Amino acid sequence: MEEKQYRQLVDEAFRRIDAAFENVDPDLAESTFSQGALTIVFRETQQLILSPQAPTLQIWVAFRDRAWHFGLRPEGDGWVDDRGQGIDLFGLIADLARTAAGVTVTISRPQPKGVR
């Protein structure tokens, strides 16, 4: 995959995640896209940071004392962890929002390649 295509896919994923927090009370969870990274602050104290990693074609996520690395699914319909645990990026973000801030977010998913 070329870096330009990778960056477009990361930007799309970050836009979808950011949009999911649009109507959430900012005292509970607020997302900010800056300098290529997406940061979500829960309850004004806990930061979840998503950053693109172009050399590995991944998205890295850090929260508290945990880190995850996500690669694009072969079907092109999302991002999955690289440790084979089947963790979905959008599912992880929704789970962390629920446990860290008590908010429910729905992140729209891209359609698999070839589906219109």
PDB file of N, CA and C in Angstrom:
ATOM      1  N   MET A   1       0.852  -1.167   0.000  1.00  0.00           N
ATOM      2  CA  MET A   1       0.000   0.000   0.000  1.00  0.00           C
ATOM      3  C   MET A   1       0.900   1.233   0.000  1.00  0.00           C
ATOM      4  N   GLU A   2       0.523   2.196  -0.786  1.00  0.00           N
ATOM      5  CA  GLU A   2       1.273   3.442  -0.829  1.00  0.00           C
ATOM      6  C   GLU A   2       0.911   4.305   0.376  1.00  0.00           C
ATOM      7  N   GLU A   3       1.868   5.140   0.783  1.00  0.00           N
ATOM      8  CA  GLU A   3       1.651   5.967   1.974  1.00  0.00           C
ATOM      9  C   GLU A   3       0.467   6.913   1.808  1.00  0.00           C
ATOM     10  N   LYS A   4       0.250   7.426   0.615  1.00  0.00           N
ATOM     11  CA  LYS A   4      -0.869   8.340   0.387  1.00  0.00           C
ATOM     12  C   LYS A   4      -2.206   7.653   0.685  1.00  0.00           C
ATOM     13  N   GLN A   5      -2.357   6.414   0.213  1.00  0.00           N
ATOM     14  CA  GLN A   5      -3.587   5.663   0.471  1.00  0.00           C
ATOM     15  C   GLN A   5      -3.722   5.361   1.964  1.00  0.00           C
ATOM     16  N   TYR A   6      -2.616   4.969   2.592  1.00  0.00           N
ATOM     17  CA  TYR A   6      -2.622   4.701   4.034  1.00  0.00           C
ATOM     18  C   TYR A   6      -3.089   5.935   4.800  1.00  0.00           C
ATOM     19  N   ARG A   7      -2.521   7.088   4.484  1.00  0.00           N
ATOM     20  CA  ARG A   7      -2.884   8.332   5.182  1.00  0.00           C
ATOM     21  C   ARG A   7      -4.363   8.675   4.987  1.00  0.00           C
ATOM     22  N   GLN A   8      -4.897   8.423   3.799  1.00  0.00           N
ATOM     23  CA  GLN A   8      -6.318   8.667   3.554  1.00  0.00           C
ATOM     24  C   GLN A   8      -7.175   7.771   4.436  1.00  0.00           C
ATOM     25  N   LEU A   9      -6.788   6.507   4.572  1.00  0.00           N
ATOM     26  CA  LEU A   9      -7.540   5.568   5.404  1.00  0.00           C
ATOM     27  C   LEU A   9      -7.464   5.935   6.883  1.00  0.00           C
ATOM     28  N   VAL A  10      -6.300   6.385   7.329  1.00  0.00           N
ATOM     29  CA  VAL A  10      -6.158   6.831   8.720  1.00  0.00           C
ATOM     30  C   VAL A  10      -7.022   8.061   8.959  1.00  0.00           C
ATOM     31  N   ASP A  11      -6.947   9.023   8.042  1.00  0.00           N
ATOM     32  CA  ASP A  11      -7.758  10.237   8.190  1.00  0.00           C
ATOM     33  C   ASP A  11      -9.240   9.898   8.248  1.00  0.00           C
ATOM     34  N   GLU A  12      -9.665   8.953   7.414  1.00  0.00           N
ATOM     35  CA  GLU A  12     -11.080   8.540   7.425  1.00  0.00           C
ATOM     36  C   GLU A  12     -11.445   7.917   8.772  1.00  0.00           C
ATOM     37  N   ALA A  13     -10.587   7.048   9.285  1.00  0.00           N
ATOM     38  CA  ALA A  13     -10.850   6.409  10.586  1.00  0.00           C
ATOM     39  C   ALA A  13     -10.919   7.466  11.692  1.00  0.00           C
ATOM     40  N   PHE A  14      -9.985   8.411  11.690  1.00  0.00           N
ATOM     41  CA  PHE A  14      -9.969   9.459  12.706  1.00  0.00           C
ATOM     42  C   PHE A  14     -11.211  10.345  12.593  1.00  0.00           C
ATOM     43  N   ARG A  15     -11.655  10.652  11.366  1.00  0.00           N
ATOM     44  CA  ARG A  15     -12.875  11.457  11.192  1.00  0.00           C
ATOM     45  C   ARG A  15     -14.087  10.726  11.757  1.00  0.00           C
ATOM     46  N   ARG A  16     -14.167   9.419  11.518  1.00  0.00           N
ATOM     47  CA  ARG A  16     -15.295   8.630  12.023  1.00  0.00           C
ATOM     48  C   ARG A  16     -15.309   8.616  13.556  1.00  0.00           C
ATOM     49  N   ILE A  17     -14.134   8.451  14.144  1.00  0.00           N
ATOM     50  CA  ILE A  17     -14.041   8.433  15.605  1.00  0.00           C
ATOM     51  C   ILE A  17     -14.382   9.811  16.165  1.00  0.00           C
ATOM     52  N   ASP A  18     -13.804  10.847  15.588  1.00  0.00           N
ATOM     53  CA  ASP A  18     -14.066  12.215  16.039  1.00  0.00           C
ATOM     54  C   ASP A  18     -15.551  12.547  15.943  1.00  0.00           C
ATOM     55  N   ALA A  19     -16.192  12.159  14.865  1.00  0.00           N
ATOM     56  CA  ALA A  19     -17.626  12.431  14.672  1.00  0.00           C
ATOM     57  C   ALA A  19     -18.475  11.739  15.731  1.00  0.00           C
ATOM     58  N   ALA A  20     -18.042  10.589  16.214  1.00  0.00           N
ATOM     59  CA  ALA A  20     -18.806   9.860  17.225  1.00  0.00           C
ATOM     60  C   ALA A  20     -18.878  10.620  18.547  1.00  0.00           C
ATOM     61  N   PHE A  21     -17.942  11.542  18.767  1.00  0.00           N
ATOM     62  CA  PHE A  21     -17.909  12.297  20.018  1.00  0.00           C
ATOM     63  C   PHE A  21     -18.510  13.699  19.888  1.00  0.00           C
ATOM     64  N   GLU A  22     -19.026  14.034  18.715  1.00  0.00           N
ATOM     65  CA  GLU A  22     -19.567  15.380  18.471  1.00  0.00           C
ATOM     66  C   GLU A  22     -20.639  15.799  19.467  1.00  0.00           C
ATOM     67  N   ASN A  23     -21.563  14.918  19.768  1.00  0.00           N
ATOM     68  CA  ASN A  23     -22.696  15.270  20.628  1.00  0.00           C
ATOM     69  C   ASN A  23     -22.543  14.808  22.074  1.00  0.00           C
ATOM     70  N   VAL A  24     -21.322  14.452  22.445  1.00  0.00           N
ATOM     71  CA  VAL A  24     -21.051  14.009  23.818  1.00  0.00           C
ATOM     72  C   VAL A  24     -20.688  15.235  24.659  1.00  0.00           C
ATOM     73  N   ASP A  25     -21.167  15.273  25.882  1.00  0.00           N
ATOM     74  CA  ASP A  25     -20.830  16.354  26.807  1.00  0.00           C
ATOM     75  C   ASP A  25     -19.302  16.439  26.918  1.00  0.00           C
ATOM     76  N   PRO A  26     -18.700  17.584  26.585  1.00  0.00           N
ATOM     77  CA  PRO A  26     -17.242  17.687  26.623  1.00  0.00           C
ATOM     78  C   PRO A  26     -16.647  17.515  28.019  1.00  0.00           C
ATOM     79  N   ASP A  27     -17.455  17.638  29.059  1.00  0.00           N
ATOM     80  CA  ASP A  27     -16.952  17.354  30.403  1.00  0.00           C
ATOM     81  C   ASP A  27     -16.729  15.854  30.600  1.00  0.00           C
ATOM     82  N   LEU A  28     -17.410  15.044  29.785  1.00  0.00           N
ATOM     83  CA  LEU A  28     -17.263  13.588  29.873  1.00  0.00           C
ATOM     84  C   LEU A  28     -16.229  13.053  28.888  1.00  0.00           C
ATOM     85  N   ALA A  29     -16.284  13.543  27.652  1.00  0.00           N
ATOM     86  CA  ALA A  29     -15.335  13.083  26.633  1.00  0.00           C
ATOM     87  C   ALA A  29     -15.262  14.121  25.525  1.00  0.00           C
ATOM     88  N   GLU A  30     -14.038  14.466  25.150  1.00  0.00           N
ATOM     89  CA  GLU A  30     -13.847  15.452  24.095  1.00  0.00           C
ATOM     90  C   GLU A  30     -12.697  15.004  23.201  1.00  0.00           C
ATOM     91  N   SER A  31     -12.925  15.043  21.894  1.00  0.00           N
ATOM     92  CA  SER A  31     -11.886  14.622  20.966  1.00  0.00           C
ATOM     93  C   SER A  31     -11.307  15.834  20.251  1.00  0.00           C
ATOM     94  N   THR A  32     -10.006  15.741  19.963  1.00  0.00           N
ATOM     95  CA  THR A  32      -9.291  16.806  19.278  1.00  0.00           C
ATOM     96  C   THR A  32      -8.335  16.180  18.278  1.00  0.00           C
ATOM     97  N   PHE A  33      -8.398  16.674  17.044  1.00  0.00           N
ATOM     98  CA  PHE A  33      -7.493  16.204  16.001  1.00  0.00           C
ATOM     99  C   PHE A  33      -6.456  17.296  15.792  1.00  0.00           C
ATOM    100  N   SER A  34      -5.184  16.986  16.034  1.00  0.00           N
ATOM    101  CA  SER A  34      -4.133  17.982  15.910  1.00  0.00           C
ATOM    102  C   SER A  34      -2.817  17.318  15.538  1.00  0.00           C
ATOM    103  N   GLN A  35      -2.121  17.917  14.587  1.00  0.00           N
ATOM    104  CA  GLN A  35      -0.800  17.466  14.160  1.00  0.00           C
ATOM    105  C   GLN A  35      -0.782  15.987  13.814  1.00  0.00           C
ATOM    106  N   GLY A  36      -1.841  15.518  13.167  1.00  0.00           N
ATOM    107  CA  GLY A  36      -1.898  14.148  12.692  1.00  0.00           C
ATOM    108  C   GLY A  36      -2.358  13.122  13.701  1.00  0.00           C
ATOM    109  N   ALA A  37      -2.507  13.503  14.960  1.00  0.00           N
ATOM    110  CA  ALA A  37      -2.945  12.570  16.001  1.00  0.00           C
ATOM    111  C   ALA A  37      -4.344  12.956  16.480  1.00  0.00           C
ATOM    112  N   LEU A  38      -5.057  11.972  16.981  1.00  0.00           N
ATOM    113  CA  LEU A  38      -6.378  12.201  17.555  1.00  0.00           C
ATOM    114  C   LEU A  38      -6.286  11.915  19.048  1.00  0.00           C
ATOM    115  N   THR A  39      -6.701  12.888  19.854  1.00  0.00           N
ATOM    116  CA  THR A  39      -6.671  12.735  21.308  1.00  0.00           C
ATOM    117  C   THR A  39      -8.091  12.842  21.837  1.00  0.00           C
ATOM    118  N   ILE A  40      -8.468  11.908  22.680  1.00  0.00           N
ATOM    119  CA  ILE A  40      -9.771  11.941  23.340  1.00  0.00           C
ATOM    120  C   ILE A  40      -9.494  12.048  24.836  1.00  0.00           C
ATOM    121  N   VAL A  41     -10.060  13.075  25.451  1.00  0.00           N
ATOM    122  CA  VAL A  41      -9.871  13.281  26.886  1.00  0.00           C
ATOM    123  C   VAL A  41     -11.173  12.898  27.580  1.00  0.00           C
ATOM    124  N   PHE A  42     -11.078  11.938  28.496  1.00  0.00           N
ATOM    125  CA  PHE A  42     -12.229  11.476  29.266  1.00  0.00           C
ATOM    126  C   PHE A  42     -12.235  12.160  30.628  1.00  0.00           C
ATOM    127  N   ARG A  43     -13.392  12.702  30.978  1.00  0.00           N
ATOM    128  CA  ARG A  43     -13.602  13.345  32.282  1.00  0.00           C
ATOM    129  C   ARG A  43     -12.494  14.352  32.617  1.00  0.00           C
ATOM    130  N   GLU A  44     -12.021  15.020  31.583  1.00  0.00           N
ATOM    131  CA  GLU A  44     -11.030  16.090  31.690  1.00  0.00           C
ATOM    132  C   GLU A  44      -9.693  15.662  32.286  1.00  0.00           C
ATOM    133  N   THR A  45      -9.451  14.349  32.424  1.00  0.00           N
ATOM    134  CA  THR A  45      -8.200  13.912  33.043  1.00  0.00           C
ATOM    135  C   THR A  45      -7.480  12.781  32.312  1.00  0.00           C
ATOM    136  N   GLN A  46      -8.201  11.861  31.710  1.00  0.00           N
ATOM    137  CA  GLN A  46      -7.591  10.675  31.115  1.00  0.00           C
ATOM    138  C   GLN A  46      -7.498  10.821  29.599  1.00  0.00           C
ATOM    139  N   GLN A  47      -6.289  10.705  29.061  1.00  0.00           N
ATOM    140  CA  GLN A  47      -6.091  10.885  27.631  1.00  0.00           C
ATOM    141  C   GLN A  47      -5.941   9.556  26.902  1.00  0.00           C
ATOM    142  N   LEU A  48      -6.685   9.449  25.816  1.00  0.00           N
ATOM    143  CA  LEU A  48      -6.552   8.340  24.871  1.00  0.00           C
ATOM    144  C   LEU A  48      -5.933   8.957  23.626  1.00  0.00           C
ATOM    145  N   ILE A  49      -4.803   8.435  23.184  1.00  0.00           N
ATOM    146  CA  ILE A  49      -4.095   9.029  22.050  1.00  0.00           C
ATOM    147  C   ILE A  49      -4.010   8.013  20.930  1.00  0.00           C
ATOM    148  N   LEU A  50      -4.449   8.437  19.734  1.00  0.00           N
ATOM    149  CA  LEU A  50      -4.351   7.626  18.526  1.00  0.00           C
ATOM    150  C   LEU A  50      -3.374   8.325  17.588  1.00  0.00           C
ATOM    151  N   SER A  51      -2.374   7.600  17.129  1.00  0.00           N
ATOM    152  CA  SER A  51      -1.388   8.211  16.252  1.00  0.00           C
ATOM    153  C   SER A  51      -1.083   7.293  15.065  1.00  0.00           C
ATOM    154  N   PRO A  52      -0.931   7.897  13.894  1.00  0.00           N
ATOM    155  CA  PRO A  52      -0.578   7.108  12.715  1.00  0.00           C
ATOM    156  C   PRO A  52       0.900   6.721  12.774  1.00  0.00           C
ATOM    157  N   GLN A  53       1.186   5.545  12.274  1.00  0.00           N
ATOM    158  CA  GLN A  53       2.563   5.058  12.196  1.00  0.00           C
ATOM    159  C   GLN A  53       2.805   4.604  10.753  1.00  0.00           C
ATOM    160  N   ALA A  54       3.176   5.555   9.910  1.00  0.00           N
ATOM    161  CA  ALA A  54       3.326   5.290   8.475  1.00  0.00           C
ATOM    162  C   ALA A  54       4.343   4.185   8.152  1.00  0.00           C
ATOM    163  N   PRO A  55       5.494   4.114   8.831  1.00  0.00           N
ATOM    164  CA  PRO A  55       6.454   3.058   8.469  1.00  0.00           C
ATOM    165  C   PRO A  55       5.890   1.642   8.587  1.00  0.00           C
ATOM    166  N   THR A  56       4.966   1.444   9.539  1.00  0.00           N
ATOM    167  CA  THR A  56       4.390   0.110   9.736  1.00  0.00           C
ATOM    168  C   THR A  56       2.967   0.006   9.194  1.00  0.00           C
ATOM    169  N   LEU A  57       2.440   1.119   8.647  1.00  0.00           N
ATOM    170  CA  LEU A  57       1.070   1.179   8.127  1.00  0.00           C
ATOM    171  C   LEU A  57       0.059   0.815   9.213  1.00  0.00           C
ATOM    172  N   GLN A  58       0.278   1.344  10.415  1.00  0.00           N
ATOM    173  CA  GLN A  58      -0.577   1.039  11.553  1.00  0.00           C
ATOM    174  C   GLN A  58      -1.113   2.307  12.202  1.00  0.00           C
ATOM    175  N   ILE A  59      -2.083   2.112  13.074  1.00  0.00           N
ATOM    176  CA  ILE A  59      -2.541   3.138  14.007  1.00  0.00           C
ATOM    177  C   ILE A  59      -2.186   2.622  15.392  1.00  0.00           C
ATOM    178  N   TRP A  60      -1.490   3.448  16.158  1.00  0.00           N
ATOM    179  CA  TRP A  60      -1.148   3.070  17.524  1.00  0.00           C
ATOM    180  C   TRP A  60      -2.054   3.819  18.482  1.00  0.00           C
ATOM    181  N   VAL A  61      -2.485   3.112  19.529  1.00  0.00           N
ATOM    182  CA  VAL A  61      -3.390   3.676  20.526  1.00  0.00           C
ATOM    183  C   VAL A  61      -2.749   3.510  21.904  1.00  0.00           C
ATOM    184  N   ALA A  62      -2.789   4.582  22.684  1.00  0.00           N
ATOM    185  CA  ALA A  62      -2.276   4.529  24.060  1.00  0.00           C
ATOM    186  C   ALA A  62      -3.339   5.078  25.003  1.00  0.00           C
ATOM    187  N   PHE A  63      -3.554   4.355  26.103  1.00  0.00           N
ATOM    188  CA  PHE A  63      -4.491   4.789  27.135  1.00  0.00           C
ATOM    189  C   PHE A  63      -4.042   4.212  28.471  1.00  0.00           C
ATOM    190  N   ARG A  64      -3.898   5.100  29.429  1.00  0.00           N
ATOM    191  CA  ARG A  64      -3.389   4.726  30.756  1.00  0.00           C
ATOM    192  C   ARG A  64      -2.065   3.999  30.571  1.00  0.00           C
ATOM    193  N   ASP A  65      -1.977   2.764  31.029  1.00  0.00           N
ATOM    194  CA  ASP A  65      -0.730   2.012  30.919  1.00  0.00           C
ATOM    195  C   ASP A  65      -0.796   0.926  29.840  1.00  0.00           C
ATOM    196  N   ARG A  66      -1.675   1.113  28.855  1.00  0.00           N
ATOM    197  CA  ARG A  66      -1.849   0.116  27.788  1.00  0.00           C
ATOM    198  C   ARG A  66      -1.540   0.727  26.434  1.00  0.00           C
ATOM    199  N   ALA A  67      -1.171  -0.122  25.507  1.00  0.00           N
ATOM    200  CA  ALA A  67      -0.940   0.306  24.124  1.00  0.00           C
ATOM    201  C   ALA A  67      -1.400  -0.808  23.192  1.00  0.00           C
ATOM    202  N   TRP A  68      -1.930  -0.411  22.056  1.00  0.00           N
ATOM    203  CA  TRP A  68      -2.393  -1.339  21.035  1.00  0.00           C
ATOM    204  C   TRP A  68      -1.883  -0.859  19.688  1.00  0.00           C
ATOM    205  N   HIS A  69      -1.636  -1.804  18.792  1.00  0.00           N
ATOM    206  CA  HIS A  69      -1.232  -1.489  17.420  1.00  0.00           C
ATOM    207  C   HIS A  69      -2.263  -2.116  16.489  1.00  0.00           C
ATOM    208  N   PHE A  70      -2.778  -1.316  15.562  1.00  0.00           N
ATOM    209  CA  PHE A  70      -3.829  -1.771  14.661  1.00  0.00           C
ATOM    210  C   PHE A  70      -3.389  -1.662  13.208  1.00  0.00           C
ATOM    211  N   GLY A  71      -3.645  -2.730  12.452  1.00  0.00           N
ATOM    212  CA  GLY A  71      -3.406  -2.725  11.017  1.00  0.00           C
ATOM    213  C   GLY A  71      -4.737  -2.803  10.293  1.00  0.00           C
ATOM    214  N   LEU A  72      -4.728  -2.401   9.053  1.00  0.00           N
ATOM    215  CA  LEU A  72      -5.947  -2.422   8.252  1.00  0.00           C
ATOM    216  C   LEU A  72      -6.382  -3.862   7.989  1.00  0.00           C
ATOM    217  N   ARG A  73      -7.661  -4.120   8.157  1.00  0.00           N
ATOM    218  CA  ARG A  73      -8.204  -5.451   7.841  1.00  0.00           C
ATOM    219  C   ARG A  73      -8.023  -5.717   6.346  1.00  0.00           C
ATOM    220  N   PRO A  74      -7.781  -6.960   5.966  1.00  0.00           N
ATOM    221  CA  PRO A  74      -7.652  -7.283   4.536  1.00  0.00           C
ATOM    222  C   PRO A  74      -8.886  -6.884   3.727  1.00  0.00           C
ATOM    223  N   GLU A  75     -10.054  -6.914   4.357  1.00  0.00           N
ATOM    224  CA  GLU A  75     -11.292  -6.548   3.674  1.00  0.00           C
ATOM    225  C   GLU A  75     -11.405  -5.038   3.492  1.00  0.00           C
ATOM    226  N   GLY A  76     -10.555  -4.260   4.193  1.00  0.00           N
ATOM    227  CA  GLY A  76     -10.566  -2.816   4.091  1.00  0.00           C
ATOM    228  C   GLY A  76     -11.695  -2.148   4.834  1.00  0.00           C
ATOM    229  N   ASP A  77     -12.342  -2.855   5.756  1.00  0.00           N
ATOM    230  CA  ASP A  77     -13.499  -2.294   6.454  1.00  0.00           C
ATOM    231  C   ASP A  77     -13.207  -1.928   7.906  1.00  0.00           C
ATOM    232  N   GLY A  78     -11.965  -1.685   8.227  1.00  0.00           N
ATOM    233  CA  GLY A  78     -11.627  -1.293   9.581  1.00  0.00           C
ATOM    234  C   GLY A  78     -10.220  -1.716   9.961  1.00  0.00           C
ATOM    235  N   TRP A  79      -9.913  -1.548  11.229  1.00  0.00           N
ATOM    236  CA  TRP A  79      -8.572  -1.784  11.753  1.00  0.00           C
ATOM    237  C   TRP A  79      -8.651  -2.822  12.873  1.00  0.00           C
ATOM    238  N   VAL A  80      -7.704  -3.771  12.882  1.00  0.00           N
ATOM    239  CA  VAL A  80      -7.684  -4.849  13.868  1.00  0.00           C
ATOM    240  C   VAL A  80      -6.289  -4.921  14.495  1.00  0.00           C
ATOM    241  N   ASP A  81      -6.237  -5.328  15.773  1.00  0.00           N
ATOM    242  CA  ASP A  81      -4.958  -5.380  16.483  1.00  0.00           C
ATOM    243  C   ASP A  81      -3.988  -6.351  15.815  1.00  0.00           C
ATOM    244  N   ASP A  82      -2.704  -6.083  15.990  1.00  0.00           N
ATOM    245  CA  ASP A  82      -1.680  -6.904  15.341  1.00  0.00           C
ATOM    246  C   ASP A  82      -1.220  -8.080  16.191  1.00  0.00           C
ATOM    247  N   ARG A  83      -1.855  -8.294  17.325  1.00  0.00           N
ATOM    248  CA  ARG A  83      -1.465  -9.415  18.193  1.00  0.00           C
ATOM    249  C   ARG A  83      -2.394 -10.615  18.040  1.00  0.00           C
ATOM    250  N   GLY A  84      -3.289 -10.532  17.063  1.00  0.00           N
ATOM    251  CA  GLY A  84      -4.168 -11.654  16.786  1.00  0.00           C
ATOM    252  C   GLY A  84      -5.268 -11.863  17.800  1.00  0.00           C
ATOM    253  N   GLN A  85      -5.568 -10.845  18.585  1.00  0.00           N
ATOM    254  CA  GLN A  85      -6.623 -10.985  19.594  1.00  0.00           C
ATOM    255  C   GLN A  85      -7.997 -10.625  19.050  1.00  0.00           C
ATOM    256  N   GLY A  86      -8.054 -10.142  17.805  1.00  0.00           N
ATOM    257  CA  GLY A  86      -9.332  -9.796  17.198  1.00  0.00           C
ATOM    258  C   GLY A  86      -9.941  -8.505  17.718  1.00  0.00           C
ATOM    259  N   ILE A  87      -9.115  -7.662  18.348  1.00  0.00           N
ATOM    260  CA  ILE A  87      -9.617  -6.391  18.876  1.00  0.00           C
ATOM    261  C   ILE A  87      -9.801  -5.421  17.719  1.00  0.00           C
ATOM    262  N   ASP A  88     -11.000  -4.873  17.615  1.00  0.00           N
ATOM    263  CA  ASP A  88     -11.343  -3.913  16.571  1.00  0.00           C
ATOM    264  C   ASP A  88     -11.111  -2.498  17.108  1.00  0.00           C
ATOM    265  N   LEU A  89     -10.478  -1.642  16.322  1.00  0.00           N
ATOM    266  CA  LEU A  89     -10.182  -0.284  16.765  1.00  0.00           C
ATOM    267  C   LEU A  89     -11.435   0.458  17.200  1.00  0.00           C
ATOM    268  N   PHE A  90     -12.481   0.453  16.369  1.00  0.00           N
ATOM    269  CA  PHE A  90     -13.689   1.193  16.700  1.00  0.00           C
ATOM    270  C   PHE A  90     -14.378   0.610  17.937  1.00  0.00           C
ATOM    271  N   GLY A  91     -14.364  -0.694  18.064  1.00  0.00           N
ATOM    272  CA  GLY A  91     -14.938  -1.341  19.244  1.00  0.00           C
ATOM    273  C   GLY A  91     -14.172  -0.984  20.509  1.00  0.00           C
ATOM    274  N   LEU A  92     -12.840  -0.947  20.409  1.00  0.00           N
ATOM    275  CA  LEU A  92     -12.019  -0.580  21.559  1.00  0.00           C
ATOM    276  C   LEU A  92     -12.329   0.843  22.014  1.00  0.00           C
ATOM    277  N   ILE A  93     -12.413   1.776  21.062  1.00  0.00           N
ATOM    278  CA  ILE A  93     -12.697   3.165  21.420  1.00  0.00           C
ATOM    279  C   ILE A  93     -14.060   3.262  22.108  1.00  0.00           C
ATOM    280  N   ALA A  94     -15.060   2.586  21.571  1.00  0.00           N
ATOM    281  CA  ALA A  94     -16.402   2.603  22.177  1.00  0.00           C
ATOM    282  C   ALA A  94     -16.366   2.003  23.585  1.00  0.00           C
ATOM    283  N   ASP A  95     -15.644   0.899  23.769  1.00  0.00           N
ATOM    284  CA  ASP A  95     -15.541   0.273  25.094  1.00  0.00           C
ATOM    285  C   ASP A  95     -14.842   1.193  26.097  1.00  0.00           C
ATOM    286  N   LEU A  96     -13.763   1.838  25.667  1.00  0.00           N
ATOM    287  CA  LEU A  96     -13.037   2.730  26.570  1.00  0.00           C
ATOM    288  C   LEU A  96     -13.887   3.950  26.933  1.00  0.00           C
ATOM    289  N   ALA A  97     -14.651   4.467  25.985  1.00  0.00           N
ATOM    290  CA  ALA A  97     -15.537   5.606  26.271  1.00  0.00           C
ATOM    291  C   ALA A  97     -16.575   5.221  27.316  1.00  0.00           C
ATOM    292  N   ARG A  98     -17.091   4.013  27.203  1.00  0.00           N
ATOM    293  CA  ARG A  98     -18.112   3.539  28.143  1.00  0.00           C
ATOM    294  C   ARG A  98     -17.516   3.343  29.540  1.00  0.00           C
ATOM    295  N   THR A  99     -16.350   2.720  29.624  1.00  0.00           N
ATOM    296  CA  THR A  99     -15.780   2.431  30.936  1.00  0.00           C
ATOM    297  C   THR A  99     -15.116   3.647  31.575  1.00  0.00           C
ATOM    298  N   ALA A 100     -14.486   4.511  30.785  1.00  0.00           N
ATOM    299  CA  ALA A 100     -13.763   5.659  31.339  1.00  0.00           C
ATOM    300  C   ALA A 100     -14.662   6.852  31.619  1.00  0.00           C
ATOM    301  N   ALA A 101     -15.739   7.007  30.815  1.00  0.00           N
ATOM    302  CA  ALA A 101     -16.562   8.212  30.962  1.00  0.00           C
ATOM    303  C   ALA A 101     -18.047   7.932  31.073  1.00  0.00           C
ATOM    304  N   GLY A 102     -18.440   6.681  30.934  1.00  0.00           N
ATOM    305  CA  GLY A 102     -19.856   6.350  31.038  1.00  0.00           C
ATOM    306  C   GLY A 102     -20.675   6.826  29.861  1.00  0.00           C
ATOM    307  N   VAL A 103     -20.032   7.023  28.703  1.00  0.00           N
ATOM    308  CA  VAL A 103     -20.759   7.484  27.520  1.00  0.00           C
ATOM    309  C   VAL A 103     -20.800   6.382  26.462  1.00  0.00           C
ATOM    310  N   THR A 104     -21.875   6.401  25.701  1.00  0.00           N
ATOM    311  CA  THR A 104     -22.024   5.454  24.606  1.00  0.00           C
ATOM    312  C   THR A 104     -21.824   6.196  23.300  1.00  0.00           C
ATOM    313  N   VAL A 105     -20.881   5.724  22.504  1.00  0.00           N
ATOM    314  CA  VAL A 105     -20.650   6.306  21.187  1.00  0.00           C
ATOM    315  C   VAL A 105     -20.797   5.215  20.138  1.00  0.00           C
ATOM    316  N   THR A 106     -21.255   5.629  18.979  1.00  0.00           N
ATOM    317  CA  THR A 106     -21.371   4.720  17.845  1.00  0.00           C
ATOM    318  C   THR A 106     -20.478   5.255  16.740  1.00  0.00           C
ATOM    319  N   ILE A 107     -19.525   4.452  16.339  1.00  0.00           N
ATOM    320  CA  ILE A 107     -18.591   4.852  15.289  1.00  0.00           C
ATOM    321  C   ILE A 107     -19.021   4.170  13.997  1.00  0.00           C
ATOM    322  N   SER A 108     -19.352   4.977  13.004  1.00  0.00           N
ATOM    323  CA  SER A 108     -19.793   4.404  11.726  1.00  0.00           C
ATOM    324  C   SER A 108     -18.630   3.668  11.077  1.00  0.00           C
ATOM    325  N   ARG A 109     -18.961   2.559  10.467  1.00  0.00           N
ATOM    326  CA  ARG A 109     -17.930   1.712   9.861  1.00  0.00           C
ATOM    327  C   ARG A 109     -17.928   1.854   8.346  1.00  0.00           C
ATOM    328  N   PRO A 110     -16.732   1.826   7.748  1.00  0.00           N
ATOM    329  CA  PRO A 110     -16.661   1.851   6.293  1.00  0.00           C
ATOM    330  C   PRO A 110     -17.178   0.534   5.726  1.00  0.00           C
ATOM    331  N   GLN A 111     -17.651   0.596   4.496  1.00  0.00           N
ATOM    332  CA  GLN A 111     -18.085  -0.630   3.842  1.00  0.00           C
ATOM    333  C   GLN A 111     -16.870  -1.367   3.306  1.00  0.00           C
ATOM    334  N   PRO A 112     -16.919  -2.705   3.307  1.00  0.00           N
ATOM    335  CA  PRO A 112     -15.810  -3.475   2.755  1.00  0.00           C
ATOM    336  C   PRO A 112     -15.581  -3.115   1.294  1.00  0.00           C
ATOM    337  N   LYS A 113     -14.359  -3.354   0.832  1.00  0.00           N
ATOM    338  CA  LYS A 113     -14.035  -3.084  -0.563  1.00  0.00           C
ATOM    339  C   LYS A 113     -14.998  -3.816  -1.479  1.00  0.00           C
ATOM    340  N   GLY A 114     -15.412  -3.150  -2.542  1.00  0.00           N
ATOM    341  CA  GLY A 114     -16.291  -3.776  -3.508  1.00  0.00           C
ATOM    342  C   GLY A 114     -17.767  -3.664  -3.178  1.00  0.00           C
ATOM    343  N   VAL A 115     -18.109  -3.199  -1.969  1.00  0.00           N
ATOM    344  CA  VAL A 115     -19.503  -3.053  -1.570  1.00  0.00           C
ATOM    345  C   VAL A 115     -19.908  -1.601  -1.772  1.00  0.00           C
ATOM    346  N   ARG A 116     -21.034  -1.393  -2.412  1.00  0.00           N
ATOM    347  CA  ARG A 116     -21.500  -0.021  -2.659  1.00  0.00           C
ATOM    348  C   ARG A 116     -22.871   0.172  -2.091  1.00  0.00           C
TER     349      ARG A 116
END
